[in-house]
Amino acid sequence: MLAPLRSPVVRLGLSVSLATGLYGVSFGALAVAAGLTIWQTCALSLLMFTGGSQFAFIGTIAGGGGGMTATLAATLLGVRNAVYGVSMNARLRPSGWHRFVAAQLTIDESTAVGASQVEPVEVRRGFWTTGLGVFVLWNLFTLVGALVGAALGDPRAWGLDGAAVAAFAGLLWPRLRRREAGSVAVVCGLVTALATPFVPAGIPILAAAVVAVGWSLWGPGRSRPAHRPGRARPGRGRPR
């Protein structure tokens, strides 16, 4: 019965869950500071459940952007989860109601831990342990942060208005180890800085999200390699 707990991937999933879940405190406090109620904040974590999109949403609201702009920014940043879903669905092959749960739990952390494994049983253990762990702890600490934020009052008196950037940067930092990811972050930051003086609040982060999604789809290295005639097989059309 305790065998799964001895699995290295389970221990990894639990440690990732705790580290990620703690960021929920920042999100809860900042969401309340942005004008959301405690229950709206908790509902956002429960239903949206993707940290980058959630911070983008409240960042847009806090900056004076409208609900539609905030939703578009959050949606664009959440597009990557659909890509993760295709990959993990092929490896997990969930059926019945498990498919709906797996879709909700498909985030950066659960995908990373699950996809890092080779054996199918370890893939499932890593994905489900991390996904469920992050979901429970993220929502728990969101509530804690929302309660704390409501008790603190004016966010500017405590520096919480500036903490949004720091919290989002902390959430993003582990993903910037690759040179390409760092380049995307720099480009998006420049787009945001250049757009801010000229467009309404909320639009700069939306523009940055468009750039990030565009880079992921059509950036350097995304184009298919040119076909080499010498490798064509007789009697065949274009390669699959």
Protein backbone atom coordinates (compact mmCIF):
# COMPACT_ATOMS: atom_id res chain seq x y z
CA MET A 1 0.00 0.00 0.00
CA LEU A 2 2.88 2.36 0.76
CA ALA A 3 4.85 1.26 -2.33
CA PRO A 4 3.72 4.22 -4.52
CA LEU A 5 4.92 6.65 -1.83
CA ARG A 6 8.43 5.21 -2.16
CA SER A 7 8.49 5.99 -5.87
CA PRO A 8 10.95 8.82 -6.70
CA VAL A 9 8.46 10.38 -9.11
CA VAL A 10 5.79 10.52 -6.40
CA ARG A 11 8.18 12.28 -4.04
CA LEU A 12 9.15 14.64 -6.85
CA GLY A 13 5.50 15.35 -7.59
CA LEU A 14 4.75 16.12 -3.96
CA SER A 15 7.71 18.49 -3.63
CA VAL A 16 6.74 20.31 -6.84
CA SER A 17 3.15 20.53 -5.56
CA LEU A 18 4.23 22.18 -2.33
CA ALA A 19 6.60 24.64 -4.02
CA THR A 20 3.99 25.62 -6.61
CA GLY A 21 1.06 25.66 -4.22
CA LEU A 22 2.74 28.23 -2.01
CA TYR A 23 2.51 30.77 -4.84
CA GLY A 24 -1.23 30.63 -4.30
CA VAL A 25 -0.76 32.89 -1.28
CA SER A 26 0.59 35.63 -3.53
CA PHE A 27 -2.18 35.13 -6.05
CA GLY A 28 -4.92 35.24 -3.43
CA ALA A 29 -3.60 38.44 -1.84
CA LEU A 30 -3.00 40.16 -5.17
CA ALA A 31 -6.37 39.17 -6.59
CA VAL A 32 -8.17 40.73 -3.63
CA ALA A 33 -5.94 43.78 -3.96
CA ALA A 34 -6.97 44.03 -7.63
CA GLY A 35 -10.61 44.30 -6.61
CA LEU A 36 -11.87 40.73 -6.66
CA THR A 37 -13.85 39.35 -3.75
CA ILE A 38 -12.58 36.40 -1.76
CA TRP A 39 -15.07 34.09 -3.44
CA GLN A 40 -14.27 35.39 -6.92
CA THR A 41 -10.59 34.82 -6.21
CA CYS A 42 -11.18 31.25 -5.07
CA ALA A 43 -13.45 30.53 -8.04
CA LEU A 44 -10.73 31.76 -10.41
CA SER A 45 -8.20 29.32 -8.95
CA LEU A 46 -10.72 26.50 -8.90
CA LEU A 47 -11.96 26.92 -12.48
CA MET A 48 -9.11 28.53 -14.42
CA PHE A 49 -6.31 26.74 -12.52
CA THR A 50 -3.28 27.89 -14.46
CA GLY A 51 -0.99 30.24 -12.59
CA GLY A 52 0.38 32.27 -15.50
CA SER A 53 -3.09 32.98 -16.86
CA GLN A 54 -4.43 33.85 -13.42
CA PHE A 55 -1.67 36.37 -12.74
CA ALA A 56 -2.19 37.84 -16.22
CA PHE A 57 -5.91 38.17 -15.51
CA ILE A 58 -5.55 40.03 -12.22
CA GLY A 59 -2.60 42.04 -13.55
CA THR A 60 -4.78 43.35 -16.35
CA ILE A 61 -7.64 44.13 -13.96
CA ALA A 62 -5.30 45.87 -11.52
CA GLY A 63 -3.87 47.94 -14.36
CA GLY A 64 -7.31 49.25 -15.25
CA GLY A 65 -8.09 46.86 -18.09
CA GLY A 66 -11.58 45.52 -18.69
CA GLY A 67 -12.84 42.02 -18.08
CA MET A 68 -12.75 41.10 -21.78
CA THR A 69 -9.13 42.19 -22.15
CA ALA A 70 -8.17 40.29 -19.01
CA THR A 71 -9.94 37.17 -20.27
CA LEU A 72 -8.23 37.36 -23.66
CA ALA A 73 -4.79 37.75 -22.06
CA ALA A 74 -5.42 34.81 -19.75
CA THR A 75 -6.74 32.68 -22.61
CA LEU A 76 -3.76 33.35 -24.84
CA LEU A 77 -1.34 32.41 -22.07
CA GLY A 78 -3.38 29.24 -21.48
CA VAL A 79 -3.11 28.04 -25.08
CA ARG A 80 -0.01 26.04 -24.14
CA ASN A 81 -2.15 23.81 -21.91
CA ALA A 82 -4.06 22.60 -24.97
CA VAL A 83 -0.74 21.56 -26.52
CA TYR A 84 0.19 19.77 -23.30
CA GLY A 85 -3.18 18.02 -23.36
CA VAL A 86 -2.55 16.46 -26.77
CA SER A 87 0.79 15.08 -25.61
CA MET A 88 -0.39 13.79 -22.24
CA ASN A 89 -3.60 12.30 -23.63
CA ALA A 90 -1.49 10.07 -25.88
CA ARG A 91 0.58 8.89 -22.93
CA LEU A 92 -2.10 8.62 -20.24
CA ARG A 93 -5.03 7.47 -22.40
CA PRO A 94 -7.65 8.40 -19.78
CA SER A 95 -11.22 7.21 -20.27
CA GLY A 96 -14.64 8.18 -18.94
CA TRP A 97 -14.73 10.91 -16.31
CA HIS A 98 -10.96 10.63 -15.89
CA ARG A 99 -10.59 12.55 -19.16
CA PHE A 100 -12.31 15.61 -17.71
CA VAL A 101 -10.23 15.50 -14.53
CA ALA A 102 -7.01 15.00 -16.50
CA ALA A 103 -7.87 17.99 -18.71
CA GLN A 104 -8.30 20.22 -15.65
CA LEU A 105 -5.02 18.99 -14.13
CA THR A 106 -2.95 19.44 -17.29
CA ILE A 107 -0.63 22.29 -16.34
CA ASP A 108 3.08 23.02 -16.65
CA GLU A 109 4.08 21.13 -13.52
CA SER A 110 2.01 17.95 -14.00
CA THR A 111 3.07 17.73 -17.64
CA ALA A 112 6.75 18.25 -16.83
CA VAL A 113 6.86 15.62 -14.09
CA GLY A 114 4.79 13.08 -16.02
CA ALA A 115 6.57 13.55 -19.34
CA SER A 116 9.99 13.17 -17.69
CA GLN A 117 9.26 9.50 -16.99
CA VAL A 118 9.73 6.53 -19.31
CA GLU A 119 7.63 3.75 -17.84
CA PRO A 120 3.86 4.22 -18.37
CA VAL A 121 3.06 3.55 -14.72
CA GLU A 122 5.55 6.22 -13.63
CA VAL A 123 4.16 8.67 -16.17
CA ARG A 124 0.71 8.23 -14.62
CA ARG A 125 2.02 8.47 -11.07
CA GLY A 126 3.96 11.63 -11.84
CA PHE A 127 1.10 13.33 -13.65
CA TRP A 128 -1.65 12.52 -11.17
CA THR A 129 0.45 13.11 -8.05
CA THR A 130 1.62 16.50 -9.26
CA GLY A 131 -1.68 17.57 -10.79
CA LEU A 132 -3.80 16.67 -7.78
CA GLY A 133 -1.19 17.97 -5.33
CA VAL A 134 -0.90 21.35 -7.02
CA PHE A 135 -4.68 21.63 -7.40
CA VAL A 136 -5.35 21.03 -3.70
CA LEU A 137 -2.52 23.20 -2.38
CA TRP A 138 -2.96 26.01 -4.92
CA ASN A 139 -6.62 26.39 -4.02
CA LEU A 140 -5.93 26.10 -0.29
CA PHE A 141 -3.22 28.76 -0.34
CA THR A 142 -5.30 30.96 -2.64
CA LEU A 143 -7.93 31.08 0.10
CA VAL A 144 -5.26 31.85 2.72
CA GLY A 145 -3.81 34.62 0.56
CA ALA A 146 -7.25 36.10 -0.14
CA LEU A 147 -8.07 36.20 3.56
CA VAL A 148 -4.69 37.78 4.35
CA GLY A 149 -5.04 40.29 1.53
CA ALA A 150 -8.51 41.31 2.70
CA ALA A 151 -7.19 41.81 6.23
CA LEU A 152 -4.26 43.98 5.07
CA GLY A 153 -6.47 46.59 3.43
CA ASP A 154 -4.86 49.04 0.99
CA PRO A 155 -2.31 47.02 -1.05
CA ARG A 156 -0.17 50.08 -1.76
CA ALA A 157 0.47 50.58 1.95
CA TRP A 158 2.15 47.16 2.07
CA GLY A 159 3.75 47.15 -1.36
CA LEU A 160 1.41 44.49 -2.68
CA ASP A 161 0.76 46.46 -5.85
CA GLY A 162 4.41 45.99 -6.83
CA ALA A 163 4.49 42.40 -5.62
CA ALA A 164 2.45 41.24 -8.61
CA VAL A 165 5.46 41.59 -10.88
CA ALA A 166 7.74 39.82 -8.40
CA ALA A 167 5.28 36.95 -7.88
CA PHE A 168 4.78 36.43 -11.60
CA ALA A 169 8.54 36.62 -12.20
CA GLY A 170 9.08 34.00 -9.49
CA LEU A 171 6.53 31.73 -11.10
CA LEU A 172 8.12 32.25 -14.51
CA TRP A 173 11.79 32.01 -13.53
CA PRO A 174 12.15 28.19 -13.52
CA ARG A 175 10.90 28.18 -17.12
CA LEU A 176 13.56 30.64 -18.32
CA ARG A 177 16.58 28.36 -18.05
CA ARG A 178 16.60 27.69 -21.77
CA ARG A 179 18.04 30.46 -23.94
CA GLU A 180 14.95 30.55 -26.16
CA ALA A 181 12.58 30.99 -23.22
CA GLY A 182 14.69 33.85 -21.92
CA SER A 183 14.65 35.48 -25.35
CA VAL A 184 10.86 35.27 -25.50
CA ALA A 185 10.62 36.84 -22.03
CA VAL A 186 12.87 39.74 -23.07
CA VAL A 187 10.92 40.36 -26.29
CA CYS A 188 7.58 40.27 -24.48
CA GLY A 189 8.91 42.65 -21.83
CA LEU A 190 10.01 45.11 -24.50
CA VAL A 191 6.65 44.89 -26.25
CA THR A 192 4.87 45.63 -22.98
CA ALA A 193 7.16 48.55 -22.12
CA LEU A 194 6.86 50.11 -25.58
CA ALA A 195 3.08 49.70 -25.78
CA THR A 196 2.22 50.98 -22.30
CA PRO A 197 2.38 54.75 -23.02
CA PHE A 198 0.27 54.51 -26.18
CA VAL A 199 -2.56 52.02 -25.60
CA PRO A 200 -5.30 51.57 -22.96
CA ALA A 201 -4.59 49.65 -19.76
CA GLY A 202 -4.58 45.91 -20.20
CA ILE A 203 -3.64 45.98 -23.90
CA PRO A 204 0.17 45.77 -23.36
CA ILE A 205 -0.03 42.41 -21.59
CA LEU A 206 -2.43 41.19 -24.27
CA ALA A 207 0.07 42.23 -26.94
CA ALA A 208 2.85 40.43 -25.09
CA ALA A 209 0.72 37.28 -24.89
CA VAL A 210 0.10 37.43 -28.65
CA VAL A 211 3.85 37.71 -29.25
CA ALA A 212 4.56 34.73 -26.97
CA VAL A 213 1.96 32.54 -28.67
CA GLY A 214 3.14 33.63 -32.11
CA TRP A 215 6.74 32.81 -31.22
CA SER A 216 5.75 29.36 -29.98
CA LEU A 217 3.92 28.61 -33.24
CA TRP A 218 6.04 30.32 -35.90
CA GLY A 219 9.29 31.32 -34.20
CA PRO A 220 12.82 30.20 -35.16
CA GLY A 221 13.07 26.44 -35.57
CA ARG A 222 9.31 25.95 -35.92
CA SER A 223 9.26 25.63 -39.70
CA ARG A 224 9.39 22.16 -41.20
CA PRO A 225 12.72 21.18 -42.73
CA ALA A 226 12.94 21.32 -46.48
CA HIS A 227 12.31 18.04 -48.26
CA ARG A 228 15.41 16.36 -49.62
CA PRO A 229 14.74 14.73 -52.99
CA GLY A 230 17.44 12.16 -52.45
CA ARG A 231 15.48 10.61 -49.58
CA ALA A 232 12.20 10.18 -51.41
CA ARG A 233 11.02 6.60 -51.73
CA PRO A 234 10.07 5.33 -55.20
CA GLY A 235 6.38 5.33 -55.92
CA ARG A 236 5.59 7.59 -52.98
CA GLY A 237 4.18 11.09 -52.88
CA ARG A 238 5.29 13.66 -50.41
CA PRO A 239 6.52 12.26 -47.07
CA ARG A 240 4.16 12.05 -44.13
